[in-house]
N, C-alpha and C. Protein backbone atom coordinates (compact mmCIF):
# COMPACT_ATOMS: atom_id res chain seq x y z
N UNK A 1 120.83 104.40 130.72
CA UNK A 1 120.59 103.23 129.94
C UNK A 1 121.71 102.03 130.68
N UNK A 2 122.34 102.21 131.49
CA UNK A 2 123.17 101.47 132.30
C UNK A 2 122.75 101.21 133.71
N UNK A 3 121.52 102.33 134.16
CA UNK A 3 121.80 102.29 135.22
C UNK A 3 120.22 101.67 135.19
N UNK A 4 119.32 101.19 134.04
CA UNK A 4 117.64 100.55 133.96
C UNK A 4 117.56 99.15 134.80
N UNK A 5 116.79 98.92 135.74
CA UNK A 5 116.52 97.94 136.47
C UNK A 5 115.46 97.52 136.12
N UNK A 6 115.14 95.59 136.27
CA UNK A 6 113.73 95.39 136.39
C UNK A 6 113.57 93.81 137.51
N UNK A 7 112.41 94.23 138.11
CA UNK A 7 112.46 93.46 139.23
C UNK A 7 111.37 92.44 139.06
N UNK A 8 111.61 91.51 139.73
CA UNK A 8 110.61 90.37 139.92
C UNK A 8 110.24 89.79 141.24
N UNK A 9 109.40 89.81 141.30
CA UNK A 9 108.60 89.84 142.56
C UNK A 9 108.13 88.27 142.47
N UNK A 10 108.43 87.30 143.86
CA UNK A 10 107.56 86.00 143.57
C UNK A 10 106.81 86.61 145.55
N UNK A 11 105.21 86.43 145.62
CA UNK A 11 105.24 87.31 146.86
C UNK A 11 104.47 85.75 147.54
N UNK A 12 104.52 84.81 146.83
CA UNK A 12 103.65 83.41 147.11
C UNK A 12 105.59 82.85 147.88
N UNK A 13 106.39 82.85 147.47
CA UNK A 13 107.86 82.30 147.92
C UNK A 13 108.54 83.87 148.97
N UNK A 14 107.91 85.11 149.00
CA UNK A 14 108.72 86.27 150.32
C UNK A 14 109.69 86.23 149.39
N UNK A 15 110.26 86.25 148.09
CA UNK A 15 111.41 86.63 147.48
C UNK A 15 111.42 87.39 146.27
N UNK A 16 112.50 87.87 146.62
CA UNK A 16 112.17 89.02 144.77
C UNK A 16 113.75 89.49 143.97
N UNK A 17 113.98 90.14 142.65
CA UNK A 17 115.27 89.63 142.44
C UNK A 17 115.08 90.85 141.39
N UNK A 18 116.74 91.54 141.40
CA UNK A 18 116.18 92.92 140.56
C UNK A 18 117.72 92.72 139.20
N UNK A 19 117.40 92.48 138.00
CA UNK A 19 118.19 92.32 137.57
C UNK A 19 118.48 94.02 136.56
N UNK A 20 119.63 94.02 136.71
CA UNK A 20 120.31 95.56 136.01
C UNK A 20 120.37 94.96 134.24
N UNK A 21 119.82 95.54 134.16
CA UNK A 21 119.36 95.10 132.16
C UNK A 21 120.46 94.70 131.43
N UNK A 22 121.50 95.98 131.66
CA UNK A 22 122.23 96.48 130.68
C UNK A 22 123.16 96.76 130.65
N UNK A 23 124.33 96.83 130.69
CA UNK A 23 125.58 97.06 131.60
C UNK A 23 126.87 97.42 130.15
N UNK A 24 127.47 98.55 130.66
CA UNK A 24 128.65 98.03 129.03
C UNK A 24 127.87 98.85 128.39
N UNK A 25 127.27 99.85 128.35
CA UNK A 25 127.16 100.12 127.10
C UNK A 25 128.27 101.32 126.46
N UNK A 26 128.24 100.61 125.23
CA UNK A 26 129.47 101.57 124.50
C UNK A 26 128.83 101.90 122.63
N UNK A 27 129.21 103.70 122.38
CA UNK A 27 128.88 103.80 121.21
C UNK A 27 129.53 103.79 119.92
N UNK A 28 130.23 103.26 119.21
CA UNK A 28 131.34 103.44 118.24
C UNK A 28 130.17 103.08 116.71
N UNK A 29 131.01 104.78 115.82
CA UNK A 29 130.92 104.55 114.43
C UNK A 29 129.26 103.84 114.13
N UNK A 30 128.33 104.73 114.73
CA UNK A 30 127.10 104.98 114.48
C UNK A 30 125.94 103.24 115.28
N UNK A 31 127.69 102.63 115.88
CA UNK A 31 126.83 101.09 116.61
C UNK A 31 126.93 101.42 118.09
N UNK A 32 125.80 100.82 118.80
CA UNK A 32 125.60 101.11 120.24
C UNK A 32 125.32 99.32 120.14
N UNK A 33 127.00 99.59 121.40
CA UNK A 33 126.98 97.61 121.70
C UNK A 33 126.61 98.00 122.87
N UNK A 34 125.90 96.37 123.44
CA UNK A 34 125.44 96.66 124.71
C UNK A 34 125.48 94.86 125.63
N UNK A 35 125.71 94.94 126.63
CA UNK A 35 126.39 94.08 127.06
C UNK A 35 124.55 93.37 127.73
N UNK A 36 124.15 92.00 128.01
CA UNK A 36 122.84 92.04 128.63
C UNK A 36 123.76 91.40 129.76
N UNK A 37 122.88 91.32 131.41
CA UNK A 37 123.11 90.44 132.44
C UNK A 37 122.51 88.95 131.92
N UNK A 38 123.73 87.94 132.41
CA UNK A 38 123.88 86.35 131.74
C UNK A 38 122.64 86.48 132.29
N UNK A 39 121.97 86.07 133.71
CA UNK A 39 120.93 85.50 134.69
C UNK A 39 119.41 86.46 134.05
N UNK A 40 119.28 87.85 133.51
CA UNK A 40 118.70 88.10 132.77
C UNK A 40 117.95 87.90 131.08
N UNK A 41 118.79 87.34 129.93
CA UNK A 41 120.01 86.43 129.22
C UNK A 41 118.39 85.42 129.38
N UNK A 42 118.95 84.60 130.63
CA UNK A 42 117.97 83.19 130.56
C UNK A 42 116.79 83.73 130.58
N UNK A 43 116.55 83.77 131.45
CA UNK A 43 114.55 84.67 131.69
C UNK A 43 114.50 85.06 130.40
N UNK A 44 114.86 85.88 129.84
CA UNK A 44 114.35 86.60 128.29
C UNK A 44 114.04 85.32 127.63
N UNK A 45 115.33 84.24 127.63
CA UNK A 45 115.13 82.97 126.43
C UNK A 45 114.21 82.44 126.85
N UNK A 46 113.99 81.66 128.16
CA UNK A 46 112.84 81.24 128.73
C UNK A 46 111.77 81.72 128.08
N UNK A 47 111.09 82.55 128.24
CA UNK A 47 110.02 83.28 128.00
C UNK A 47 109.27 84.17 126.82
N UNK A 48 110.52 84.15 126.06
CA UNK A 48 110.34 84.59 124.96
C UNK A 48 109.63 83.83 124.18
N UNK A 49 108.95 83.07 124.07
CA UNK A 49 107.99 82.35 122.91
C UNK A 49 106.81 82.05 123.66
N UNK A 50 106.22 82.80 124.61
CA UNK A 50 105.11 83.60 125.26
C UNK A 50 104.43 85.06 124.62
N UNK A 51 105.84 85.09 123.51
CA UNK A 51 105.31 86.42 123.48
C UNK A 51 104.57 86.65 121.69
N UNK A 52 103.94 87.73 121.84
CA UNK A 52 104.30 87.53 120.38
C UNK A 52 105.34 88.83 119.46
N UNK A 53 105.59 88.22 118.45
CA UNK A 53 105.90 88.74 117.85
C UNK A 53 105.98 89.33 116.27
N UNK A 54 106.00 90.27 115.98
CA UNK A 54 106.11 90.53 114.68
C UNK A 54 106.47 91.62 114.00
N UNK A 55 106.67 92.10 112.50
CA UNK A 55 107.69 92.82 111.95
C UNK A 55 106.99 94.18 112.32
N UNK A 56 107.84 95.00 112.25
CA UNK A 56 107.77 96.05 112.39
C UNK A 56 107.44 96.97 111.33
N UNK A 57 107.15 96.53 110.08
CA UNK A 57 107.13 96.92 108.78
C UNK A 57 105.74 96.80 108.87
N UNK A 58 104.75 95.87 109.45
CA UNK A 58 103.28 95.08 109.39
C UNK A 58 102.65 96.09 110.22
N UNK A 59 103.13 96.68 111.67
CA UNK A 59 103.13 97.85 112.36
C UNK A 59 102.69 99.64 111.72
N UNK A 60 103.81 99.80 111.21
CA UNK A 60 104.04 100.67 110.61
C UNK A 60 102.98 101.63 110.31
N UNK A 61 102.78 100.36 109.21
CA UNK A 61 101.32 101.12 108.18
C UNK A 61 99.84 101.42 108.60
N UNK A 62 99.76 100.79 110.23
CA UNK A 62 98.83 100.99 110.64
C UNK A 62 97.91 102.69 110.76
N UNK A 63 97.16 103.02 110.80
CA UNK A 63 96.77 104.45 111.23
C UNK A 63 95.81 104.66 112.24
N UNK A 64 95.48 103.82 112.72
CA UNK A 64 94.32 103.68 114.04
C UNK A 64 95.17 103.16 115.55
N UNK A 65 94.86 103.05 116.43
CA UNK A 65 95.01 102.50 117.63
C UNK A 65 93.58 101.29 117.49
N UNK A 66 93.02 100.97 117.10
CA UNK A 66 92.54 100.17 116.74
C UNK A 66 92.81 98.97 116.12
N UNK A 67 93.27 99.30 114.75
CA UNK A 67 93.90 98.86 113.74
C UNK A 67 94.80 97.71 114.64
N UNK A 68 95.97 98.52 114.92
CA UNK A 68 97.11 98.02 115.46
C UNK A 68 96.65 97.11 116.41
N UNK A 69 95.99 97.59 117.32
CA UNK A 69 95.40 96.09 118.94
C UNK A 69 94.50 95.20 117.80
N UNK A 70 93.88 95.75 117.20
CA UNK A 70 93.46 94.68 116.27
C UNK A 70 94.23 93.57 115.32
N UNK A 71 95.28 94.14 115.02
CA UNK A 71 96.43 93.36 114.31
C UNK A 71 96.94 92.05 115.39
N UNK A 72 97.39 93.25 116.38
CA UNK A 72 97.88 92.01 118.02
C UNK A 72 97.23 90.83 118.64
N UNK A 73 95.97 91.32 118.10
CA UNK A 73 95.35 90.46 118.49
C UNK A 73 94.83 89.66 117.48
N UNK A 74 94.57 89.71 116.69
CA UNK A 74 94.36 88.97 115.56
C UNK A 74 95.57 87.67 114.76
N UNK A 75 97.01 88.63 115.04
CA UNK A 75 98.11 88.10 114.78
C UNK A 75 98.12 86.05 115.72
N UNK A 76 98.02 87.07 116.75
CA UNK A 76 98.30 86.08 118.00
C UNK A 76 97.51 84.85 117.71
N UNK A 77 96.02 85.33 116.97
CA UNK A 77 95.06 84.07 117.14
C UNK A 77 95.45 82.73 115.88
N UNK A 78 95.89 84.38 115.07
CA UNK A 78 96.43 82.98 113.97
C UNK A 78 98.12 82.46 114.43
N UNK A 79 98.96 82.75 114.80
CA UNK A 79 99.76 81.59 115.25
C UNK A 79 99.12 80.35 115.80
N UNK A 80 98.40 81.06 117.16
CA UNK A 80 98.27 79.90 118.22
C UNK A 80 97.20 78.55 116.98
N UNK A 81 96.42 79.22 116.20
CA UNK A 81 95.66 78.43 114.97
C UNK A 81 96.45 78.02 114.44
N UNK A 82 97.08 78.34 113.74
CA UNK A 82 98.62 77.50 113.23
C UNK A 82 99.26 76.47 113.37
N UNK A 83 99.63 76.94 114.73
CA UNK A 83 100.43 76.03 115.60
C UNK A 83 99.94 75.05 115.88
N UNK A 84 98.46 74.99 116.23
CA UNK A 84 97.48 73.18 116.87
C UNK A 84 96.66 73.54 115.54
N UNK A 85 97.13 73.57 113.84
CA UNK A 85 96.71 72.92 112.73
C UNK A 85 95.42 73.54 112.51
N UNK A 86 94.70 74.03 113.04
CA UNK A 86 93.18 74.31 113.25
C UNK A 86 92.93 75.54 112.34
N UNK A 87 91.20 75.27 112.16
CA UNK A 87 90.83 76.43 111.06
C UNK A 87 91.41 77.53 111.36
N UNK A 88 91.62 78.34 110.41
CA UNK A 88 92.08 79.82 110.45
C UNK A 88 90.87 81.02 111.31
N UNK A 89 89.70 80.62 111.88
CA UNK A 89 88.81 81.08 112.21
C UNK A 89 88.37 81.11 113.44
N UNK A 90 88.10 82.80 113.75
CA UNK A 90 87.91 82.69 115.47
C UNK A 90 86.82 83.48 116.20
N UNK A 91 86.27 83.28 117.08
CA UNK A 91 84.98 83.87 117.25
C UNK A 91 85.11 84.96 118.50
N UNK A 92 84.84 86.29 118.48
CA UNK A 92 84.88 86.79 119.59
C UNK A 92 83.78 87.84 119.93
N UNK A 93 83.14 87.29 121.19
CA UNK A 93 82.11 87.81 121.54
C UNK A 93 82.21 89.53 121.61
N UNK A 94 81.33 89.60 121.39
CA UNK A 94 81.27 91.33 121.09
C UNK A 94 81.37 92.65 122.58
N UNK A 95 80.95 92.28 123.40
CA UNK A 95 81.74 92.78 125.25
C UNK A 95 83.14 92.55 124.95
N UNK A 96 83.69 91.32 124.30
CA UNK A 96 85.16 90.70 124.90
C UNK A 96 85.58 92.03 124.16
N UNK A 97 85.59 91.81 122.75
CA UNK A 97 86.48 92.85 121.73
C UNK A 97 86.18 94.28 121.94
N UNK A 98 85.20 95.01 122.69
CA UNK A 98 84.97 96.77 123.12
C UNK A 98 86.30 95.99 124.26
N UNK A 99 85.98 95.61 124.51
CA UNK A 99 87.40 95.78 126.09
C UNK A 99 88.21 95.41 126.15
N UNK A 100 88.82 94.33 124.73
CA UNK A 100 90.25 94.19 124.44
C UNK A 100 90.67 95.41 123.50
N UNK A 101 89.79 96.11 122.63
CA UNK A 101 89.86 97.81 122.09
C UNK A 101 89.84 98.58 122.24
N UNK A 102 89.34 98.61 124.06
CA UNK A 102 88.92 99.73 124.88
C UNK A 102 88.08 100.29 124.27
N UNK A 103 86.85 100.33 123.41
CA UNK A 103 86.21 100.91 122.15
C UNK A 103 85.10 101.31 123.75
N UNK A 104 84.83 102.71 123.18
CA UNK A 104 84.20 103.72 123.93
C UNK A 104 82.52 103.18 123.96
N UNK A 105 81.71 103.03 125.24
CA UNK A 105 80.55 102.77 125.35
C UNK A 105 79.67 103.36 124.56
N UNK A 106 80.19 104.37 123.48
CA UNK A 106 78.64 104.89 122.94
C UNK A 106 78.66 104.50 121.50
N UNK A 107 79.72 103.24 121.52
CA UNK A 107 80.18 103.41 120.05
C UNK A 107 78.58 101.92 119.36
N UNK A 108 77.80 102.18 118.81
CA UNK A 108 76.94 100.93 119.04
C UNK A 108 77.70 99.97 117.63
N UNK A 109 77.23 99.05 117.25
CA UNK A 109 77.90 98.00 116.29
C UNK A 109 77.85 98.96 114.82
N UNK A 110 76.93 99.50 114.42
CA UNK A 110 77.46 100.33 113.12
C UNK A 110 79.21 100.98 113.17
N UNK A 111 78.61 101.85 114.19
CA UNK A 111 80.70 103.07 114.60
C UNK A 111 81.36 101.64 114.46
N UNK A 112 81.12 100.05 115.47
CA UNK A 112 82.48 99.17 115.22
C UNK A 112 82.71 98.98 114.07
N UNK A 113 81.59 98.42 113.51
CA UNK A 113 81.72 98.31 111.72
C UNK A 113 82.02 98.70 111.20
N UNK A 114 81.69 99.93 111.06
CA UNK A 114 82.33 100.80 110.18
C UNK A 114 83.91 101.69 110.24
N UNK A 115 84.07 102.24 111.54
CA UNK A 115 85.20 102.72 112.07
C UNK A 115 86.47 101.89 112.40
N UNK A 116 85.65 100.47 112.90
CA UNK A 116 87.29 99.93 113.02
C UNK A 116 87.27 99.14 112.56
N UNK A 117 86.30 97.86 112.54
CA UNK A 117 86.69 96.38 111.62
C UNK A 117 87.12 96.74 110.00
N UNK A 118 86.02 97.94 109.27
CA UNK A 118 86.06 97.71 108.00
C UNK A 118 87.26 98.77 107.99
N UNK A 119 87.50 100.05 108.67
CA UNK A 119 88.81 100.41 108.61
C UNK A 119 90.17 99.71 108.95
N UNK A 120 90.06 98.59 109.67
CA UNK A 120 91.21 98.20 109.73
C UNK A 120 91.53 96.70 108.72
N UNK A 121 90.10 96.51 107.41
CA UNK A 121 90.84 95.79 106.66
C UNK A 121 91.42 96.27 105.96
N UNK A 122 90.94 97.84 105.67
CA UNK A 122 92.28 98.15 104.90
C UNK A 122 93.24 98.66 104.94
N UNK A 123 93.15 98.95 106.21
CA UNK A 123 95.13 98.85 107.18
C UNK A 123 95.48 97.20 106.82
N UNK A 124 95.01 96.79 106.80
CA UNK A 124 95.88 95.52 106.65
C UNK A 124 96.04 94.77 105.34
N UNK A 125 95.65 95.33 104.66
CA UNK A 125 96.23 95.30 102.93
C UNK A 125 97.33 95.22 103.11
N UNK A 126 98.11 96.17 103.41
CA UNK A 126 99.85 96.30 103.57
C UNK A 126 100.33 95.44 104.77
N UNK A 127 99.93 94.93 105.09
CA UNK A 127 100.10 93.76 106.32
C UNK A 127 100.62 92.24 105.74
N UNK A 128 101.11 91.54 106.91
CA UNK A 128 101.02 89.81 106.43
C UNK A 128 99.83 89.45 106.41
N UNK A 129 98.90 89.80 107.17
CA UNK A 129 97.96 89.17 107.46
C UNK A 129 96.46 89.95 107.59
N UNK A 130 95.23 89.49 106.80
CA UNK A 130 94.06 89.92 106.10
C UNK A 130 92.80 89.20 107.16
N UNK A 131 91.81 90.06 106.95
CA UNK A 131 90.71 89.54 107.80
C UNK A 131 89.39 89.64 106.97
N UNK A 132 88.13 88.59 107.36
CA UNK A 132 86.98 88.54 106.73
C UNK A 132 86.51 88.38 108.13
N UNK A 133 85.25 89.21 108.49
CA UNK A 133 84.01 89.11 110.16
C UNK A 133 82.65 88.99 109.37
N UNK A 134 82.43 88.40 110.24
CA UNK A 134 80.51 88.15 110.12
C UNK A 134 80.10 88.16 111.43
N UNK A 135 79.45 88.74 111.82
CA UNK A 135 78.40 88.91 112.96
C UNK A 135 77.44 88.38 113.26
N UNK A 136 77.65 87.78 114.44
CA UNK A 136 76.58 86.17 115.19
C UNK A 136 75.88 86.70 115.97
N UNK A 137 74.53 87.08 115.30
CA UNK A 137 73.38 87.75 115.82
C UNK A 137 72.51 86.38 116.69
N UNK A 138 71.72 86.98 117.91
CA UNK A 138 71.29 86.16 118.86
C UNK A 138 69.87 86.96 118.91
N UNK A 139 68.28 86.02 117.94
CA UNK A 139 67.46 86.96 117.97
C UNK A 139 67.82 88.16 116.92
N UNK A 140 68.00 89.14 117.13
CA UNK A 140 68.36 90.74 116.61
C UNK A 140 69.48 91.39 116.33
N UNK A 141 69.96 91.01 117.85
CA UNK A 141 71.53 91.78 118.64
C UNK A 141 72.40 90.57 118.24
N UNK A 142 73.41 91.38 117.88
CA UNK A 142 74.33 91.45 117.46
C UNK A 142 75.78 90.47 118.75
N UNK A 143 75.93 89.41 119.10
CA UNK A 143 76.69 89.07 119.94
C UNK A 143 78.28 88.95 119.77
N UNK A 144 77.84 88.69 118.93
CA UNK A 144 80.28 88.25 118.39
C UNK A 144 80.10 88.42 117.43
N UNK A 145 81.54 88.11 116.97
CA UNK A 145 81.86 88.25 115.62
C UNK A 145 82.85 87.39 115.56
N UNK A 146 82.81 86.93 113.92
CA UNK A 146 83.66 85.65 113.36
C UNK A 146 84.58 86.43 112.92
N UNK A 147 85.49 85.87 113.07
CA UNK A 147 86.51 86.45 112.19
C UNK A 147 87.18 84.95 111.38
N UNK A 148 87.34 85.31 110.40
CA UNK A 148 87.99 84.45 109.46
C UNK A 148 89.61 85.12 108.93
N UNK A 149 90.80 84.14 109.83
CA UNK A 149 92.32 85.00 109.45
C UNK A 149 93.02 84.72 107.55
N UNK A 150 93.60 85.41 107.50
CA UNK A 150 93.89 84.89 105.95
C UNK A 150 96.01 85.93 106.48
N UNK A 151 96.77 84.30 106.17
CA UNK A 151 97.45 84.60 106.38
C UNK A 151 98.70 85.00 104.65
N UNK A 152 98.77 86.31 104.96
CA UNK A 152 99.83 86.60 103.45
C UNK A 152 101.57 86.79 104.23
N UNK A 153 102.01 85.98 105.15
CA UNK A 153 103.35 86.06 105.18
C UNK A 153 103.94 85.31 103.81
N UNK A 154 103.78 84.57 103.23
CA UNK A 154 104.08 83.97 101.91
C UNK A 154 104.24 84.76 101.15
N UNK A 155 103.06 85.40 100.80
CA UNK A 155 103.35 86.53 100.20
C UNK A 155 104.37 87.80 99.76
N UNK A 156 104.60 87.70 100.99
CA UNK A 156 105.45 89.10 101.34
C UNK A 156 107.09 88.69 101.84
N UNK A 157 107.19 87.19 102.23
CA UNK A 157 108.71 86.56 102.39
C UNK A 157 109.64 87.14 101.16
N UNK A 158 109.30 87.93 99.79
CA UNK A 158 110.36 88.54 99.13
C UNK A 158 110.62 89.97 100.20
N UNK A 159 110.23 90.49 100.35
CA UNK A 159 110.53 91.64 100.91
C UNK A 159 110.88 91.29 102.32
N UNK A 160 110.93 90.50 103.21
CA UNK A 160 111.91 90.31 104.30
C UNK A 160 113.23 90.30 103.85
N UNK A 161 114.27 91.12 104.41
CA UNK A 161 115.29 91.09 104.44
C UNK A 161 115.97 91.66 105.80
N UNK A 162 117.48 91.03 106.15
CA UNK A 162 118.11 91.93 107.11
C UNK A 162 118.85 92.84 106.58
N UNK A 163 118.70 94.30 107.40
CA UNK A 163 119.82 95.48 107.08
C UNK A 163 120.63 95.38 108.08
N UNK A 164 122.08 95.39 107.20
CA UNK A 164 122.92 94.98 107.82
C UNK A 164 123.20 97.33 108.39
N UNK A 165 123.16 97.78 107.37
CA UNK A 165 123.75 99.25 107.85
C UNK A 165 122.56 100.44 108.04
N UNK A 166 123.35 101.32 108.08
CA UNK A 166 122.19 102.41 107.85
C UNK A 166 121.83 102.72 106.83
N UNK A 167 122.34 102.86 105.89
CA UNK A 167 122.20 102.55 104.75
C UNK A 167 121.19 101.97 103.86
N UNK A 168 121.27 100.77 104.58
CA UNK A 168 120.39 99.68 104.09
C UNK A 168 118.73 100.14 104.30
N UNK A 169 119.09 100.10 105.70
CA UNK A 169 117.51 100.65 106.79
C UNK A 169 116.63 101.49 105.40
N UNK A 170 117.64 103.20 105.60
CA UNK A 170 117.07 104.18 104.77
C UNK A 170 116.49 103.82 103.53
N UNK A 171 117.24 103.33 102.83
CA UNK A 171 116.86 102.60 101.49
C UNK A 171 115.69 101.32 101.61
N UNK A 172 115.11 100.68 102.29
CA UNK A 172 113.66 99.94 103.35
C UNK A 172 113.09 100.55 103.38
N UNK A 173 113.24 101.92 104.34
CA UNK A 173 112.58 102.68 104.48
C UNK A 173 111.48 103.34 103.17
N UNK A 174 112.88 103.66 102.41
CA UNK A 174 111.97 104.78 100.73
C UNK A 174 111.19 103.65 100.26
N UNK A 175 111.66 102.51 100.01
CA UNK A 175 111.20 101.50 99.58
C UNK A 175 109.37 101.56 99.98
N UNK A 176 109.60 101.45 101.24
CA UNK A 176 107.76 101.32 102.27
C UNK A 176 107.43 102.72 101.60
N UNK A 177 108.08 103.73 101.88
CA UNK A 177 107.40 105.11 101.59
C UNK A 177 106.55 104.62 100.29
N UNK A 178 107.21 104.37 99.38
CA UNK A 178 107.06 104.51 98.13
C UNK A 178 105.82 103.02 98.23
N UNK A 179 105.63 102.17 98.75
CA UNK A 179 104.37 101.33 98.50
C UNK A 179 102.95 101.76 99.32
N UNK A 180 103.48 102.83 100.60
CA UNK A 180 102.60 102.72 101.45
C UNK A 180 101.83 104.18 100.53
N UNK A 181 102.37 104.43 98.78
CA UNK A 181 102.12 106.07 98.69
C UNK A 181 100.40 105.18 97.82
């Protein structure tokens, strides 16, 4: 771990920077302590708001790669819509959705609806967001999907705890498994 580096290249300015991400890793009594390079830490703090963050327990319950990716897409849209104080609806072109989810070309609309969207809705029941969808047609052809996003995070706030010990984490994992059963 101490030898891992990350390189940032700026081809326009013909320069690059290589950071050693971690140094001085120490493991003692079940706790791993690491130090992060100061310059790399500044970089991380500058970009942290540009990336989507979500709680691990929300994605642990998702059963398919499509549900996972759709969660990331819709969670990001929800975050942006809430920040802009706009309607919690988003319209995605069907071809764009196929590309974002890496859906095989052999999937027809009915396959996408049944195997991806409806299955994801069922998976999302155990997460902090939910959605409803409506196909948008041009003639008889479905060209886009309108998603209505539902934020359930306030409802789940009582479950948001910080676990400080291995025993706390084990207890949380056991509780989560009971909820999922």
